[in-house]
Amino acid sequence: MLTSLFLIFLVADLGIRLWLANRQIRYVRANRDKVPPAFAERIGLSSHQRAADYTVARKRLTIIAGVFDTLVLLWLTLGGGLTHIETFVSAYISQAFSAQIAFVVAIGLFIGLIGLPFSVYRQFKIEADFGFNRMTPKLFVSDLLKGTLLGAVIGLPLFAIILFLMEKAGTTWWVWAWAVWAAFNLLAMWVFPTWIAPLFNKFSPLDDPQLAERIQGLAKRCAFTITGLFVMDGSKRSAHGNAYFTGFGKSRRIVFFDTLLSRLTPPEIEAVLAHELGHFKHKHITKRLITTLLGSLILFALLGWLSASPWFFSGLGVAHNPDAPNHAMALILFFMVIPVFTFPLTPLMSFLSRRDEFEADQFAVAQANSSDLVSALVKLYDDNAATLTPDPMHSAYYDSHPPASIRIQRLKGA
């Protein structure tokens, strides 16, 4: 029963993704040779065509990667791949708990290695062809090694604690495991801006007094406390521009990509930040955090039930010995297949995210000039080669932000 259900959801998920991807490609190509009227005065035809070609190139890679990932998942589950890897690891490590940790490491390395060619192609072919890549092979390898080491230092202890709780904490282990996971994520939000992010990028205090004064004035009007304004050297990896808020409490800060500061005027930067502050004012960040924590609690409860059910393992192609349970197998198997069963939630989550973006825009135009926000967004669409003509159905299913034309139209109306 579970095998059939898994295959039905897997085929449906892949089928919908391929269908929407092909719709996106056809729609973008069909509108490639004409700039939408709302943008005709600000974006040239060559820039519009570049954005269309960039979107199509990325989407084609997504199609190939999606099919490949589906085949890999089938091999790991019903094809017995997970069992083969577990058997291989157990042949060299006899101690049960150590073998489970080694199994987690082996799966992580396997997934990372098979996904590496797609990352390399995306970075050094697609991003390079469209003028975005500024990352050298040396920096790419350095980032990869740092990320792997950081994942081991942070992730393995977390896995070890959860596996220990699964073995020792009885039938309610999932409650304690969720509490550990939740505490870890909250701690990471506090630690990331100060200790982790600087491992990959250089952060310098904003050295523009007039811009800093403008931003502090905006923050004061919005009753928002900022502990730091920083510029990140994003240009050493990519020509894409962005800005973001990070941390919470006393570690809360605003970070600008240096590429963003080079393109936007101070009023435009203020308008963009007013939009971001709108997310805080409407408590979008807090709501998403609560939703994530509650959702993860449900998932851990479901994992607690399924990990004690032999049919869960056998239905997904994994042998299960109730006298010597492999908790690492349960953990990995669950988090591999749960996206297959939850894919119907994707359009709902996208809709809720777009609703938040509209609310943040409304807040921004009350705190800054709407024309400055429009101007900034148009520049960002242009600089990042974001298509102005996405397929409506693809956009409704996937996009976390409203389509450019609809968003600009609402802002002009405001």
Protein backbone atom coordinates (compact mmCIF):
# COMPACT_ATOMS: atom_id res chain seq x y z
CA MET A 1 0.00 0.00 0.00
CA LEU A 2 2.73 2.48 0.99
CA THR A 3 4.81 1.53 -2.04
CA SER A 4 1.93 2.29 -4.41
CA LEU A 5 1.12 5.53 -2.62
CA PHE A 6 4.76 6.60 -2.73
CA LEU A 7 5.00 5.91 -6.47
CA ILE A 8 1.74 7.76 -7.18
CA PHE A 9 2.88 10.87 -5.30
CA LEU A 10 6.39 10.67 -6.79
CA VAL A 11 5.10 10.46 -10.37
CA ALA A 12 2.53 13.19 -9.72
CA ASP A 13 5.16 15.49 -8.21
CA LEU A 14 7.61 14.99 -11.07
CA GLY A 15 4.87 15.24 -13.68
CA ILE A 16 3.58 18.54 -12.31
CA ARG A 17 7.11 19.97 -12.04
CA LEU A 18 7.95 19.01 -15.64
CA TRP A 19 4.62 20.31 -16.93
CA LEU A 20 5.01 23.65 -15.16
CA ALA A 21 8.65 23.96 -16.20
CA ASN A 22 7.75 23.46 -19.85
CA ARG A 23 4.90 25.95 -19.53
CA GLN A 24 7.35 28.48 -18.08
CA ILE A 25 9.83 27.95 -20.91
CA ARG A 26 7.18 28.27 -23.63
CA TYR A 27 5.56 31.34 -22.08
CA VAL A 28 8.82 33.19 -21.47
CA ARG A 29 10.07 32.45 -24.99
CA ALA A 30 6.76 33.51 -26.52
CA ASN A 31 7.06 36.92 -24.82
CA ARG A 32 10.80 37.28 -25.37
CA ASP A 33 10.70 39.84 -28.18
CA LYS A 34 8.50 42.49 -26.58
CA VAL A 35 9.03 44.37 -23.32
CA PRO A 36 5.79 44.64 -21.29
CA PRO A 37 4.34 48.18 -21.64
CA ALA A 38 4.72 48.91 -17.91
CA PHE A 39 8.50 48.48 -18.23
CA ALA A 40 9.11 49.73 -21.78
CA GLU A 41 10.48 53.10 -20.64
CA ARG A 42 12.90 51.62 -18.08
CA ILE A 43 14.12 48.29 -19.51
CA GLY A 44 15.51 47.82 -22.99
CA LEU A 45 14.66 44.95 -25.32
CA SER A 46 18.15 43.44 -25.05
CA SER A 47 17.89 43.30 -21.24
CA HIS A 48 14.43 41.76 -21.48
CA GLN A 49 15.68 39.11 -23.90
CA ARG A 50 18.67 38.39 -21.67
CA ALA A 51 16.34 37.82 -18.71
CA ALA A 52 14.18 35.49 -20.82
CA ASP A 53 17.20 33.46 -21.97
CA TYR A 54 18.55 33.31 -18.41
CA THR A 55 15.20 32.07 -17.09
CA VAL A 56 14.98 29.40 -19.79
CA ALA A 57 18.55 28.20 -19.19
CA ARG A 58 17.99 27.86 -15.45
CA LYS A 59 14.65 26.11 -15.96
CA ARG A 60 16.13 23.58 -18.39
CA LEU A 61 18.75 22.68 -15.81
CA THR A 62 15.98 22.38 -13.21
CA ILE A 63 14.21 19.84 -15.44
CA ILE A 64 17.32 17.68 -15.81
CA ALA A 65 18.14 17.92 -12.09
CA GLY A 66 14.53 17.09 -11.15
CA VAL A 67 14.49 13.91 -13.24
CA PHE A 68 17.91 12.92 -11.93
CA ASP A 69 16.92 13.49 -8.29
CA THR A 70 13.78 11.42 -8.76
CA LEU A 71 15.76 8.50 -10.19
CA VAL A 72 18.28 8.73 -7.34
CA LEU A 73 15.47 8.72 -4.77
CA LEU A 74 13.94 5.65 -6.40
CA TRP A 75 17.29 3.87 -6.30
CA LEU A 76 17.96 4.80 -2.68
CA THR A 77 14.52 3.61 -1.55
CA LEU A 78 12.78 0.94 -3.63
CA GLY A 79 16.04 0.11 -5.44
CA GLY A 80 17.75 -0.81 -2.18
CA GLY A 81 20.43 1.89 -2.30
CA LEU A 82 20.07 2.85 1.35
CA THR A 83 20.38 -0.79 2.38
CA HIS A 84 23.51 -1.23 0.23
CA ILE A 85 25.16 1.83 1.76
CA GLU A 86 24.21 0.72 5.27
CA THR A 87 25.64 -2.75 4.65
CA PHE A 88 28.86 -1.25 3.30
CA VAL A 89 29.28 1.00 6.35
CA SER A 90 28.46 -1.78 8.83
CA ALA A 91 31.11 -4.01 7.29
CA TYR A 92 33.79 -1.59 8.47
CA ILE A 93 32.28 -0.28 11.73
CA SER A 94 30.98 -2.80 14.24
CA GLN A 95 29.86 -0.51 17.08
CA ALA A 96 26.15 0.15 16.46
CA PHE A 97 25.92 3.84 17.38
CA SER A 98 29.12 4.76 15.55
CA ALA A 99 27.89 2.85 12.51
CA GLN A 100 24.70 4.92 12.50
CA ILE A 101 26.68 8.17 12.62
CA ALA A 102 28.91 6.89 9.81
CA PHE A 103 25.80 5.97 7.82
CA VAL A 104 24.51 9.56 8.14
CA VAL A 105 27.90 10.87 6.98
CA ALA A 106 27.96 8.45 4.03
CA ILE A 107 24.50 9.49 2.86
CA GLY A 108 25.37 13.17 3.22
CA LEU A 109 28.56 12.76 1.20
CA PHE A 110 26.79 10.69 -1.45
CA ILE A 111 24.02 13.25 -1.98
CA GLY A 112 26.50 16.09 -1.95
CA LEU A 113 28.78 14.46 -4.52
CA ILE A 114 26.06 13.52 -7.01
CA GLY A 115 24.64 17.04 -6.81
CA LEU A 116 28.03 18.69 -7.29
CA PRO A 117 28.06 18.58 -11.12
CA PHE A 118 24.79 20.53 -11.23
CA SER A 119 26.20 23.18 -8.89
CA VAL A 120 29.36 23.49 -11.00
CA TYR A 121 27.38 23.77 -14.24
CA ARG A 122 25.02 26.34 -12.75
CA GLN A 123 27.85 28.48 -11.39
CA PHE A 124 30.47 28.25 -14.11
CA LYS A 125 28.27 27.81 -17.17
CA ILE A 126 24.87 29.45 -16.73
CA GLU A 127 25.88 32.20 -14.30
CA ALA A 128 29.06 32.85 -16.29
CA ASP A 129 27.28 32.94 -19.67
CA PHE A 130 24.97 35.68 -18.42
CA GLY A 131 27.69 37.72 -16.73
CA PHE A 132 26.81 36.94 -13.11
CA ASN A 133 29.60 34.62 -12.02
CA ARG A 134 32.59 36.19 -10.31
CA MET A 135 33.57 33.14 -8.33
CA THR A 136 36.89 31.48 -9.10
CA PRO A 137 37.32 27.69 -8.99
CA LYS A 138 39.57 28.18 -5.96
CA LEU A 139 36.86 30.11 -4.10
CA PHE A 140 34.24 27.53 -5.11
CA VAL A 141 36.35 24.71 -3.66
CA SER A 142 37.08 26.79 -0.55
CA ASP A 143 33.37 27.42 0.02
CA LEU A 144 32.62 23.74 -0.53
CA LEU A 145 35.22 22.62 2.00
CA LYS A 146 34.16 25.23 4.55
CA GLY A 147 30.51 24.29 4.15
CA THR A 148 31.26 20.58 4.50
CA LEU A 149 33.39 21.11 7.59
CA LEU A 150 30.82 23.45 9.13
CA GLY A 151 28.07 20.92 8.40
CA ALA A 152 30.08 18.23 10.16
CA VAL A 153 30.94 20.37 13.19
CA ILE A 154 27.36 21.57 13.65
CA GLY A 155 25.23 18.86 12.07
CA LEU A 156 26.83 15.68 13.38
CA PRO A 157 26.42 16.54 17.09
CA LEU A 158 22.77 17.41 16.39
CA PHE A 159 22.24 14.07 14.64
CA ALA A 160 24.06 12.27 17.43
CA ILE A 161 21.81 13.80 20.10
CA ILE A 162 18.65 12.95 18.17
CA LEU A 163 19.81 9.38 17.56
CA PHE A 164 20.67 9.04 21.25
CA LEU A 165 17.17 10.24 22.20
CA MET A 166 15.58 7.83 19.71
CA GLU A 167 17.42 4.98 21.43
CA LYS A 168 17.14 6.00 25.10
CA ALA A 169 14.14 8.31 25.59
CA GLY A 170 11.35 5.79 25.06
CA THR A 171 8.22 6.27 22.98
CA THR A 172 8.11 10.02 23.56
CA TRP A 173 11.64 10.55 22.20
CA TRP A 174 10.25 12.68 19.38
CA VAL A 175 9.14 15.40 21.83
CA TRP A 176 12.65 15.76 23.21
CA ALA A 177 14.19 15.52 19.75
CA TRP A 178 11.93 18.30 18.51
CA ALA A 179 12.88 20.47 21.50
CA VAL A 180 16.58 19.95 20.68
CA TRP A 181 15.98 20.74 17.00
CA ALA A 182 13.98 23.89 17.85
CA ALA A 183 16.62 25.13 20.30
CA PHE A 184 19.33 24.47 17.73
CA ASN A 185 17.55 26.54 15.07
CA LEU A 186 16.91 29.44 17.44
CA LEU A 187 20.55 29.39 18.49
CA ALA A 188 21.64 29.32 14.85
CA MET A 189 19.63 32.47 14.13
CA TRP A 190 21.55 34.25 16.88
CA VAL A 191 24.97 32.80 16.01
CA PHE A 192 24.81 33.04 12.21
CA PRO A 193 25.40 36.78 11.66
CA THR A 194 28.27 37.02 14.14
CA TRP A 195 30.14 33.75 13.77
CA ILE A 196 29.08 31.79 10.67
CA ALA A 197 28.49 34.35 7.91
CA PRO A 198 31.97 35.95 8.35
CA LEU A 199 33.53 32.58 7.48
CA PHE A 200 32.36 33.06 3.90
CA ASN A 201 32.17 36.82 3.39
CA LYS A 202 33.78 40.01 4.61
CA PHE A 203 31.44 42.39 6.44
CA SER A 204 32.39 46.05 6.79
CA PRO A 205 30.47 48.83 8.59
CA LEU A 206 28.54 51.07 6.21
CA ASP A 207 30.82 54.06 5.61
CA ASP A 208 28.25 56.40 4.04
CA PRO A 209 27.15 58.77 6.87
CA GLN A 210 24.25 60.28 4.91
CA LEU A 211 22.84 56.91 3.93
CA ALA A 212 23.33 55.59 7.47
CA GLU A 213 21.47 58.61 8.86
CA ARG A 214 18.62 58.06 6.41
CA ILE A 215 18.35 54.38 7.38
CA GLN A 216 18.48 55.13 11.10
CA GLY A 217 15.73 57.69 10.60
CA LEU A 218 13.59 55.10 8.83
CA ALA A 219 14.21 52.57 11.60
CA LYS A 220 13.29 55.12 14.24
CA ARG A 221 10.01 55.97 12.46
CA CYS A 222 9.22 52.26 12.36
CA ALA A 223 10.23 51.71 16.02
CA PHE A 224 12.84 49.19 14.88
CA THR A 225 16.16 48.84 16.68
CA ILE A 226 19.22 48.18 14.53
CA THR A 227 22.52 47.16 16.10
CA GLY A 228 24.59 47.42 12.93
CA LEU A 229 24.67 48.44 9.26
CA PHE A 230 27.09 46.34 7.21
CA VAL A 231 28.26 45.96 3.64
CA MET A 232 29.03 42.43 2.39
CA ASP A 233 31.49 41.72 -0.40
CA GLY A 234 28.96 39.80 -2.47
CA SER A 235 30.65 40.94 -5.67
CA LYS A 236 33.47 38.43 -5.20
CA ARG A 237 31.02 35.62 -5.98
CA SER A 238 28.22 37.11 -8.06
CA ALA A 239 26.96 40.25 -9.78
CA HIS A 240 23.52 39.73 -8.24
CA GLY A 241 22.53 42.39 -5.71
CA ASN A 242 20.52 42.06 -2.52
CA ALA A 243 20.01 43.29 1.04
CA TYR A 244 18.71 41.43 4.07
CA PHE A 245 18.01 41.53 7.78
CA THR A 246 19.58 38.89 9.95
CA GLY A 247 19.70 37.89 13.59
CA PHE A 248 17.32 38.91 16.35
CA GLY A 249 17.49 40.78 19.61
CA LYS A 250 20.84 42.48 20.16
CA SER A 251 22.39 40.69 17.16
CA ARG A 252 19.92 42.16 14.67
CA ARG A 253 21.60 43.88 11.74
CA ILE A 254 21.05 45.07 8.16
CA VAL A 255 23.41 43.75 5.48
CA PHE A 256 23.84 45.26 2.01
CA PHE A 257 25.53 43.56 -0.91
CA ASP A 258 28.15 45.91 -2.29
CA THR A 259 26.62 45.30 -5.72
CA LEU A 260 23.31 46.70 -4.48
CA LEU A 261 24.82 49.91 -3.10
CA SER A 262 26.54 50.56 -6.41
CA ARG A 263 23.22 50.54 -8.31
CA LEU A 264 20.54 52.09 -6.10
CA THR A 265 20.21 55.69 -4.96
CA PRO A 266 19.78 56.46 -1.22
CA PRO A 267 16.00 57.05 -1.57
CA GLU A 268 15.66 53.73 -3.41
CA ILE A 269 17.66 51.91 -0.73
CA GLU A 270 15.44 53.46 1.93
CA ALA A 271 12.33 52.26 0.08
CA VAL A 272 13.69 48.70 -0.21
CA LEU A 273 14.50 48.63 3.50
CA ALA A 274 11.05 50.01 4.31
CA HIS A 275 9.65 46.96 2.53
CA GLU A 276 11.85 44.66 4.63
CA LEU A 277 10.80 46.47 7.80
CA GLY A 278 7.22 45.85 6.74
CA HIS A 279 7.83 42.14 7.24
CA PHE A 280 8.84 42.84 10.85
CA LYS A 281 5.99 45.28 11.43
CA HIS A 282 3.43 42.71 10.27
CA LYS A 283 5.28 40.01 12.25
CA HIS A 284 5.80 37.87 9.14
CA ILE A 285 9.15 36.60 10.42
CA THR A 286 7.67 35.61 13.78
CA LYS A 287 4.66 33.95 12.16
CA ARG A 288 6.87 31.96 9.81
CA LEU A 289 9.08 30.89 12.69
CA ILE A 290 6.08 29.71 14.71
CA THR A 291 4.66 27.91 11.67
CA THR A 292 8.00 26.22 11.07
CA LEU A 293 8.28 25.10 14.70
CA LEU A 294 4.71 23.76 14.78
CA GLY A 295 5.16 22.05 11.43
CA SER A 296 8.38 20.42 12.60
CA LEU A 297 6.63 19.22 15.78
CA ILE A 298 4.02 17.48 13.62
CA LEU A 299 6.75 15.93 11.48
CA PHE A 300 8.66 14.66 14.51
CA ALA A 301 5.44 13.17 15.91
CA LEU A 302 4.81 11.47 12.57
CA LEU A 303 8.40 10.20 12.53
CA GLY A 304 7.93 8.85 16.06
CA TRP A 305 4.98 6.78 14.87
CA LEU A 306 6.47 5.62 11.56
CA SER A 307 9.88 4.68 12.99
CA ALA A 308 8.13 2.02 15.09
CA SER A 309 6.12 0.68 12.13
CA PRO A 310 7.77 -2.14 10.11
CA TRP A 311 5.51 -1.41 7.09
CA PHE A 312 7.08 2.05 6.80
CA PHE A 313 10.48 0.51 6.08
CA SER A 314 9.33 -2.43 3.95
CA GLY A 315 7.01 -0.21 1.92
CA LEU A 316 9.96 1.95 0.94
CA GLY A 317 12.36 -0.85 0.10
CA VAL A 318 14.30 -1.06 3.37
CA ALA A 319 14.71 -4.17 5.49
CA HIS A 320 13.74 -3.64 9.14
CA ASN A 321 14.88 -5.65 12.15
CA PRO A 322 12.73 -4.75 15.20
CA ASP A 323 15.28 -6.39 17.51
CA ALA A 324 18.08 -4.10 16.27
CA PRO A 325 16.44 -0.95 14.89
CA ASN A 326 18.53 1.42 12.83
CA HIS A 327 17.34 4.83 13.99
CA ALA A 328 19.57 6.61 11.48
CA MET A 329 17.83 4.74 8.67
CA ALA A 330 14.43 5.82 9.98
CA LEU A 331 15.57 9.43 10.22
CA ILE A 332 17.11 9.56 6.74
CA LEU A 333 14.32 7.62 5.06
CA PHE A 334 11.65 9.85 6.56
CA PHE A 335 13.23 13.15 5.57
CA MET A 336 13.98 11.83 2.08
CA VAL A 337 10.40 10.86 1.29
CA ILE A 338 8.39 13.46 3.23
CA PRO A 339 8.81 16.12 0.47
CA VAL A 340 7.18 13.68 -1.96
CA PHE A 341 4.02 13.53 0.15
CA THR A 342 3.90 17.24 1.02
CA PHE A 343 4.40 18.71 -2.47
CA PRO A 344 0.67 19.64 -2.77
CA LEU A 345 1.32 22.27 -0.07
CA THR A 346 3.72 24.17 -2.37
CA PRO A 347 1.14 26.49 -4.01
CA LEU A 348 -0.41 27.28 -0.63
CA MET A 349 2.94 28.27 0.85
CA SER A 350 3.70 30.35 -2.24
CA PHE A 351 0.35 32.13 -1.96
CA LEU A 352 0.92 32.98 1.71
CA SER A 353 4.39 34.30 0.92
CA ARG A 354 3.07 36.55 -1.88
CA ARG A 355 0.40 37.86 0.46
CA ASP A 356 3.12 38.84 2.93
CA GLU A 357 5.03 40.60 0.15
CA PHE A 358 1.99 42.69 -0.75
CA GLU A 359 1.56 43.66 2.91
CA ALA A 360 5.22 44.64 3.17
CA ASP A 361 4.85 46.76 0.02
CA GLN A 362 1.86 48.55 1.53
CA PHE A 363 3.88 49.31 4.64
CA ALA A 364 6.80 50.55 2.53
CA VAL A 365 4.74 53.12 0.62
CA ALA A 366 3.51 54.51 3.94
CA GLN A 367 7.09 55.02 5.13
CA ALA A 368 8.86 55.91 1.87
CA ASN A 369 8.10 57.12 -1.64
CA SER A 370 6.32 54.48 -3.73
CA SER A 371 8.02 55.72 -6.91
CA ASP A 372 11.41 55.09 -5.27
CA LEU A 373 10.38 51.51 -4.47
CA VAL A 374 9.15 51.00 -8.04
CA SER A 375 12.41 52.39 -9.42
CA ALA A 376 14.47 50.18 -7.11
CA LEU A 377 12.50 47.04 -7.99
CA VAL A 378 12.81 47.69 -11.72
CA LYS A 379 16.58 48.06 -11.34
CA LEU A 380 16.75 44.84 -9.32
CA TYR A 381 14.64 42.96 -11.89
CA ASP A 382 16.93 44.24 -14.62
CA ASP A 383 20.23 43.65 -12.82
CA ASN A 384 19.25 40.13 -11.67
CA ALA A 385 17.77 39.19 -15.07
CA ALA A 386 14.43 38.31 -13.49
CA THR A 387 11.84 37.60 -16.15
CA LEU A 388 9.05 40.15 -16.44
CA THR A 389 6.75 37.63 -18.15
CA PRO A 390 6.50 34.45 -16.06
CA ASP A 391 3.87 31.88 -16.87
CA PRO A 392 0.89 32.71 -14.60
CA MET A 393 0.33 29.11 -13.53
CA HIS A 394 4.04 28.48 -12.86
CA SER A 395 4.18 31.72 -10.88
CA ALA A 396 1.09 30.85 -8.83
CA TYR A 397 2.54 27.45 -7.97
CA TYR A 398 6.13 28.40 -7.15
CA ASP A 399 6.81 32.11 -6.79
CA SER A 400 7.29 33.49 -3.30
CA HIS A 401 7.10 37.04 -4.69
CA PRO A 402 4.32 38.49 -6.87
CA PRO A 403 4.97 38.76 -10.63
CA ALA A 404 6.74 42.00 -11.53
CA SER A 405 3.87 43.48 -13.54
CA ILE A 406 1.27 42.91 -10.81
CA ARG A 407 3.55 44.18 -8.06
CA ILE A 408 4.51 47.35 -9.95
CA GLN A 409 0.89 48.01 -10.90
CA ARG A 410 -0.19 47.88 -7.26
CA LEU A 411 2.65 50.14 -6.17
CA LYS A 412 1.83 52.71 -8.83
CA GLY A 413 -1.79 52.61 -7.71
CA ALA A 414 -0.66 53.23 -4.12
